[in-house]
Structure formats: structure tokens, C-alpha cells
C-alpha atoms as a PDB file:
ATOM      1  CA  MET A   1      -2.470  99.812 -14.786  1.00  0.00           C
ATOM      2  CA  HIS A   2      -0.694 103.073 -12.310  1.00  0.00           C
ATOM      3  CA  LEU A   3      -2.362 101.210  -9.323  1.00  0.00           C
ATOM      4  CA  ALA A   4      -1.196  98.347  -9.759  1.00  0.00           C
ATOM      5  CA  GLY A   5       1.782  99.143  -9.760  1.00  0.00           C
ATOM      6  CA  MET A   6       1.521 100.516  -6.482  1.00  0.00           C
ATOM      7  CA  ALA A   7      -0.114  98.077  -4.618  1.00  0.00           C
ATOM      8  CA  SER A   8       3.154  95.537  -5.571  1.00  0.00           C
ATOM      9  CA  GLY A   9       5.540  98.158  -4.412  1.00  0.00           C
ATOM     10  CA  VAL A  10       3.270  98.338  -1.168  1.00  0.00           C
ATOM     11  CA  PHE A  11       3.704  95.092  -1.070  1.00  0.00           C
ATOM     12  CA  LEU A  12       7.086  94.665  -1.451  1.00  0.00           C
ATOM     13  CA  ILE A  13       7.865  97.042   1.487  1.00  0.00           C
ATOM     14  CA  ALA A  14       5.703  95.477   4.048  1.00  0.00           C
ATOM     15  CA  THR A  15       7.394  92.029   3.453  1.00  0.00           C
ATOM     16  CA  MET A  16      11.254  93.867   3.450  1.00  0.00           C
ATOM     17  CA  VAL A  17      11.004  95.477   6.147  1.00  0.00           C
ATOM     18  CA  PRO A  18      10.200  93.195   8.805  1.00  0.00           C
ATOM     19  CA  ALA A  19      12.450  90.474   6.782  1.00  0.00           C
ATOM     20  CA  VAL A  20      15.413  93.262   7.634  1.00  0.00           C
ATOM     21  CA  ALA A  21      14.684  93.606  10.872  1.00  0.00           C
ATOM     22  CA  TYR A  22      13.933  89.976  12.126  1.00  0.00           C
ATOM     23  CA  LEU A  23      15.821  87.769   9.779  1.00  0.00           C
ATOM     24  CA  PRO A  24      18.966  89.808   9.449  1.00  0.00           C
ATOM     25  CA  PRO A  25      20.464  88.537   5.886  1.00  0.00           C
ATOM     26  CA  PRO A  26      24.190  89.404   5.622  1.00  0.00           C
ATOM     27  CA  ASP A  27      25.749  93.268   5.794  1.00  0.00           C
ATOM     28  CA  PRO A  28      25.395  93.362   1.373  1.00  0.00           C
ATOM     29  CA  ALA A  29      22.296  92.213   1.333  1.00  0.00           C
ATOM     30  CA  GLN A  30      21.157  93.958   3.552  1.00  0.00           C
ATOM     31  CA  ALA A  31      22.421  97.097   2.241  1.00  0.00           C
ATOM     32  CA  LEU A  32      20.290  95.957  -1.067  1.00  0.00           C
ATOM     33  CA  LEU A  33      17.047  95.632   0.329  1.00  0.00           C
ATOM     34  CA  ARG A  34      17.191  98.497   2.326  1.00  0.00           C
ATOM     35  CA  ALA A  35      18.333 100.649  -0.815  1.00  0.00           C
ATOM     36  CA  PHE A  36      15.125  98.585  -3.146  1.00  0.00           C
ATOM     37  CA  THR A  37      13.147  99.833  -0.407  1.00  0.00           C
ATOM     38  CA  LEU A  38      13.921 103.115  -0.426  1.00  0.00           C
ATOM     39  CA  THR A  39      13.348 103.408  -4.484  1.00  0.00           C
ATOM     40  CA  THR A  40      10.646 102.114  -4.097  1.00  0.00           C
ATOM     41  CA  LEU A  41       9.513 103.904  -1.672  1.00  0.00           C
ATOM     42  CA  LEU A  42      10.318 107.302  -3.167  1.00  0.00           C
ATOM     43  CA  CYS A  43       8.721 105.304  -6.746  1.00  0.00           C
ATOM     44  CA  LEU A  44       5.243 105.496  -5.063  1.00  0.00           C
ATOM     45  CA  PRO A  45       4.697 109.262  -5.299  1.00  0.00           C
ATOM     46  CA  LEU A  46       5.979 109.490  -8.584  1.00  0.00           C
ATOM     47  CA  GLN A  47       3.386 107.104  -9.554  1.00  0.00           C
ATOM     48  CA  ALA A  48       0.386 108.486  -8.147  1.00  0.00           C
ATOM     49  CA  GLN A  49       1.283 111.524  -9.793  1.00  0.00           C
ATOM     50  CA  ILE A  50       1.167 109.862 -13.510  1.00  0.00           C
ATOM     51  CA  HIS A  51      -2.020 107.938 -12.325  1.00  0.00           C
ATOM     52  CA  ILE A  52      -3.792 111.462 -11.329  1.00  0.00           C
ATOM     53  CA  ARG A  53      -2.832 113.146 -15.265  1.00  0.00           C
ATOM     54  CA  THR A  54      -3.928 110.098 -16.426  1.00  0.00           C
ATOM     55  CA  ARG A  55      -7.167 109.817 -14.986  1.00  0.00           C
ATOM     56  CA  ARG A  56      -7.238 113.941 -15.812  1.00  0.00           C
ATOM     57  CA  SER A  57      -6.307 113.296 -18.961  1.00  0.00           C
ATOM     58  CA  ARG A  58      -9.093 111.074 -19.906  1.00  0.00           C
ATOM     59  CA  SER A  59     -12.226 113.103 -18.169  1.00  0.00           C
END
């Protein structure tokens, strides 16, 4: 379950970074996209840690 969330997060980052770089939206929208990208990027290690803990507790 956590790996699916991580995959969608990586997909969102992979689509938002080029969108902000090559199709510059208005400034408020660009700031929101950057903040969302940063938040998603910072959540990936936390999701990985939860996944590792859940895998260890099942063994």
C-alpha cells in the first residue's frame, strides 16, 4: 500500500517539475505547484520508513 503511494508521489513530481519549468503558469499557481512538489518530495522518506516498519512487523 505504501509503495503505491510512493509511486504516485514520484509520478506527480516527475510531471510537475517539467510543467513548472517549461509551461510557466501565473505566479500564484507556480508557487502552489512548487510547494506541493516540495511537500511530496519530503513525504517520500517518511512513507518509505513506514513501509519498512510495517514489513518488519509482519516478519
